[in-house]
């Protein structure tokens, strides 16, 4: 296994071990925890599919994200509908590629040891920390907050994962810590579970 494949395997294992889904439906908290049996994790064999888990309607953000927003209110403002997507000019696309690669390179994969904690700009972290950090950098570059959505997904192997989704008039673009390539849903192995709306604290 070369260093790139090893890094991808490590990054995926971290999310598989550390990510838990916490949603609220009409005051009823539903929680499913992901198993941490990842000792034999291998790089993914992509199946280039796009699927979505049946929606249960509007939901609260994951608890760990709500706690993040309490400490980082500027990152969680309710976005405006008119700026809910961004036109990807060549300049904007270059910025996306640069931020995606930079953050993937700068954060060392590490599992949360004391519960699920979401952090931006850590020196080490798991998949949602990569997504939060990319979102923060892109906001600083002038991307509209409401076009940058954190999404909880599952890989083709059923493993829990989190990515940053950039909403555009021509479809979503996915920024994933497992790859420096920026792809649409149909070019990934991901099944969407839940994603933030223009309001980061309301998911659907």
Protein backbone atom coordinates (compact mmCIF):
# COMPACT_ATOMS: atom_id res chain seq x y z
CA UNK A 1 0.00 0.00 0.00
CA UNK A 2 1.49 3.38 -1.00
CA UNK A 3 1.36 6.47 1.24
CA UNK A 4 -1.71 7.95 -0.51
CA UNK A 5 -3.76 4.78 -0.15
CA UNK A 6 -2.65 4.45 3.48
CA UNK A 7 -3.71 8.04 4.20
CA UNK A 8 -7.15 7.51 2.64
CA UNK A 9 -7.62 4.30 4.61
CA UNK A 10 -6.61 6.06 7.84
CA UNK A 11 -8.92 9.02 7.16
CA UNK A 12 -11.89 6.73 6.47
CA UNK A 13 -11.20 4.62 9.55
CA UNK A 14 -11.17 7.74 11.72
CA UNK A 15 -14.65 8.78 10.54
CA UNK A 16 -15.99 5.24 10.76
CA UNK A 17 -14.89 5.05 14.38
CA UNK A 18 -15.83 8.55 15.47
CA UNK A 19 -18.94 9.73 13.63
CA UNK A 20 -22.39 9.29 15.22
CA UNK A 21 -25.69 10.53 13.86
CA UNK A 22 -27.90 12.53 16.23
CA UNK A 23 -31.13 13.98 14.86
CA UNK A 24 -34.24 15.46 16.44
CA UNK A 25 -37.68 14.88 14.95
CA UNK A 26 -40.47 16.85 16.64
CA UNK A 27 -38.62 16.70 19.95
CA UNK A 28 -37.79 13.00 19.66
CA UNK A 29 -34.04 12.31 19.54
CA UNK A 30 -33.06 9.36 17.37
CA UNK A 31 -29.48 8.16 17.66
CA UNK A 32 -27.55 5.48 15.81
CA UNK A 33 -23.90 4.88 16.62
CA UNK A 34 -21.50 3.48 14.08
CA UNK A 35 -19.38 0.44 14.92
CA UNK A 36 -15.65 0.98 15.28
CA UNK A 37 -14.49 -2.28 13.73
CA UNK A 38 -12.12 -0.81 11.17
CA UNK A 39 -8.83 -2.58 11.82
CA UNK A 40 -8.83 -4.03 8.29
CA UNK A 41 -10.07 -0.93 6.47
CA UNK A 42 -8.91 -0.74 2.84
CA UNK A 43 -9.04 2.02 0.20
CA UNK A 44 -12.42 2.28 -1.47
CA UNK A 45 -13.30 0.74 -4.80
CA UNK A 46 -15.57 3.44 -6.20
CA UNK A 47 -18.88 2.33 -7.76
CA UNK A 48 -19.80 5.78 -9.14
CA UNK A 49 -23.33 5.83 -7.84
CA UNK A 50 -25.69 8.40 -6.44
CA UNK A 51 -28.31 7.40 -3.92
CA UNK A 52 -30.16 9.04 -1.09
CA UNK A 53 -31.61 7.53 2.04
CA UNK A 54 -35.38 8.20 2.25
CA UNK A 55 -35.93 11.56 3.92
CA UNK A 56 -37.84 11.86 7.18
CA UNK A 57 -38.37 15.58 6.77
CA UNK A 58 -36.81 18.51 8.55
CA UNK A 59 -34.39 17.62 11.32
CA UNK A 60 -32.19 19.35 13.85
CA UNK A 61 -28.46 19.47 13.22
CA UNK A 62 -26.31 16.73 14.79
CA UNK A 63 -25.76 17.48 18.46
CA UNK A 64 -21.99 17.89 18.07
CA UNK A 65 -22.60 20.48 15.33
CA UNK A 66 -25.07 22.36 17.52
CA UNK A 67 -22.39 22.56 20.22
CA UNK A 68 -19.90 23.79 17.62
CA UNK A 69 -22.33 26.54 16.58
CA UNK A 70 -22.78 27.68 20.18
CA UNK A 71 -19.05 28.38 20.26
CA UNK A 72 -18.75 29.63 16.65
CA UNK A 73 -21.93 31.60 15.99
CA UNK A 74 -20.43 33.46 13.00
CA UNK A 75 -20.02 30.14 11.16
CA UNK A 76 -23.66 29.16 11.66
CA UNK A 77 -25.70 32.14 10.54
CA UNK A 78 -28.99 31.55 8.78
CA UNK A 79 -28.20 32.05 5.09
CA UNK A 80 -30.32 33.89 2.54
CA UNK A 81 -32.23 31.93 -0.09
CA UNK A 82 -30.98 34.17 -2.89
CA UNK A 83 -27.39 33.15 -2.11
CA UNK A 84 -28.12 29.45 -1.64
CA UNK A 85 -25.86 28.55 -4.57
CA UNK A 86 -22.64 29.85 -6.08
CA UNK A 87 -21.68 30.18 -9.73
CA UNK A 88 -18.45 28.25 -10.24
CA UNK A 89 -16.30 30.46 -12.44
CA UNK A 90 -12.81 29.23 -13.30
CA UNK A 91 -11.49 31.39 -10.45
CA UNK A 92 -13.96 29.96 -7.95
CA UNK A 93 -13.21 26.41 -9.07
CA UNK A 94 -9.49 27.03 -8.60
CA UNK A 95 -10.20 28.23 -5.07
CA UNK A 96 -12.23 25.12 -4.31
CA UNK A 97 -9.45 22.84 -5.53
CA UNK A 98 -6.81 24.75 -3.59
CA UNK A 99 -8.74 24.74 -0.30
CA UNK A 100 -9.75 21.10 -0.64
CA UNK A 101 -6.16 19.97 -1.22
CA UNK A 102 -4.69 22.31 1.39
CA UNK A 103 -7.02 21.18 4.18
CA UNK A 104 -6.70 17.50 3.24
CA UNK A 105 -2.95 17.90 3.54
CA UNK A 106 -2.84 20.03 6.69
CA UNK A 107 -5.00 17.96 9.08
CA UNK A 108 -3.67 14.68 10.43
CA UNK A 109 -6.38 11.98 10.65
CA UNK A 110 -7.29 11.24 14.27
CA UNK A 111 -10.37 9.79 15.95
CA UNK A 112 -12.23 11.72 18.67
CA UNK A 113 -11.21 10.09 21.94
CA UNK A 114 -13.79 11.65 24.27
CA UNK A 115 -17.08 11.67 22.40
CA UNK A 116 -17.89 13.22 19.04
CA UNK A 117 -16.46 16.77 18.94
CA UNK A 118 -16.59 18.97 15.82
CA UNK A 119 -13.73 21.45 15.39
CA UNK A 120 -12.50 23.78 12.65
CA UNK A 121 -8.80 24.30 11.94
CA UNK A 122 -7.42 21.51 14.15
CA UNK A 123 -3.95 20.06 13.66
CA UNK A 124 -5.57 16.62 13.74
CA UNK A 125 -9.17 15.50 13.45
CA UNK A 126 -11.77 13.36 11.68
CA UNK A 127 -13.98 13.84 8.62
CA UNK A 128 -16.35 16.49 9.95
CA UNK A 129 -13.38 18.57 11.12
CA UNK A 130 -12.05 18.60 7.54
CA UNK A 131 -15.48 19.69 6.27
CA UNK A 132 -15.85 22.47 8.86
CA UNK A 133 -12.35 23.77 8.13
CA UNK A 134 -12.97 23.88 4.38
CA UNK A 135 -16.24 25.69 4.92
CA UNK A 136 -14.59 28.28 7.17
CA UNK A 137 -11.81 28.98 4.63
CA UNK A 138 -14.25 29.28 1.72
CA UNK A 139 -16.44 31.74 3.65
CA UNK A 140 -13.35 33.88 4.18
CA UNK A 141 -12.80 33.82 0.41
CA UNK A 142 -16.28 35.23 -0.14
CA UNK A 143 -18.32 32.09 -0.83
CA UNK A 144 -21.90 32.51 0.48
CA UNK A 145 -22.44 30.58 3.70
CA UNK A 146 -25.80 29.21 2.56
CA UNK A 147 -24.16 27.53 -0.46
CA UNK A 148 -21.74 25.60 1.76
CA UNK A 149 -23.50 22.64 3.41
CA UNK A 150 -22.14 20.02 5.76
CA UNK A 151 -23.53 16.58 4.84
CA UNK A 152 -23.61 13.27 6.68
CA UNK A 153 -23.27 10.35 4.27
CA UNK A 154 -22.51 6.66 4.04
CA UNK A 155 -19.94 5.12 1.75
CA UNK A 156 -20.61 2.10 -0.45
CA UNK A 157 -19.35 -0.06 2.42
CA UNK A 158 -21.93 1.40 4.80
CA UNK A 159 -19.41 3.49 6.70
CA UNK A 160 -20.39 6.80 8.28
CA UNK A 161 -18.70 9.84 6.79
CA UNK A 162 -19.06 13.64 6.51
CA UNK A 163 -18.27 15.93 3.57
CA UNK A 164 -18.68 19.54 2.49
CA UNK A 165 -21.23 20.13 -0.27
CA UNK A 166 -21.03 23.24 -2.44
CA UNK A 167 -24.41 24.11 -3.99
CA UNK A 168 -24.18 25.42 -7.57
CA UNK A 169 -26.75 26.12 -10.34
CA UNK A 170 -25.27 23.12 -12.17
CA UNK A 171 -25.46 20.64 -9.33
CA UNK A 172 -23.67 19.91 -6.07
CA UNK A 173 -19.89 19.62 -5.79
CA UNK A 174 -18.45 17.40 -3.07
CA UNK A 175 -15.29 18.16 -1.08
CA UNK A 176 -14.12 14.95 0.60
CA UNK A 177 -11.05 14.44 2.78
CA UNK A 178 -10.42 11.08 1.07
CA UNK A 179 -9.60 12.70 -2.27
CA UNK A 180 -8.34 15.98 -3.72
CA UNK A 181 -10.73 15.61 -6.66
CA UNK A 182 -13.96 17.65 -6.55
CA UNK A 183 -16.89 15.62 -7.86
CA UNK A 184 -20.64 15.58 -8.28
CA UNK A 185 -22.74 13.04 -6.38
CA UNK A 186 -22.84 10.70 -9.37
CA UNK A 187 -19.05 10.41 -9.35
CA UNK A 188 -18.80 9.31 -5.74
CA UNK A 189 -19.59 6.18 -3.75
CA UNK A 190 -21.69 8.18 -1.27
CA UNK A 191 -25.29 7.83 -0.12
CA UNK A 192 -26.67 11.04 1.38
CA UNK A 193 -28.19 10.63 4.84
CA UNK A 194 -28.79 14.23 5.94
CA UNK A 195 -27.53 17.64 4.87
CA UNK A 196 -27.70 21.15 6.28
CA UNK A 197 -30.13 23.57 4.69
CA UNK A 198 -29.38 27.25 4.03
CA UNK A 199 -29.83 27.50 7.80
CA UNK A 200 -26.95 25.40 9.20
CA UNK A 201 -28.99 24.47 12.27
CA UNK A 202 -31.81 22.93 10.22
CA UNK A 203 -31.03 19.75 8.31
CA UNK A 204 -33.03 17.79 5.76
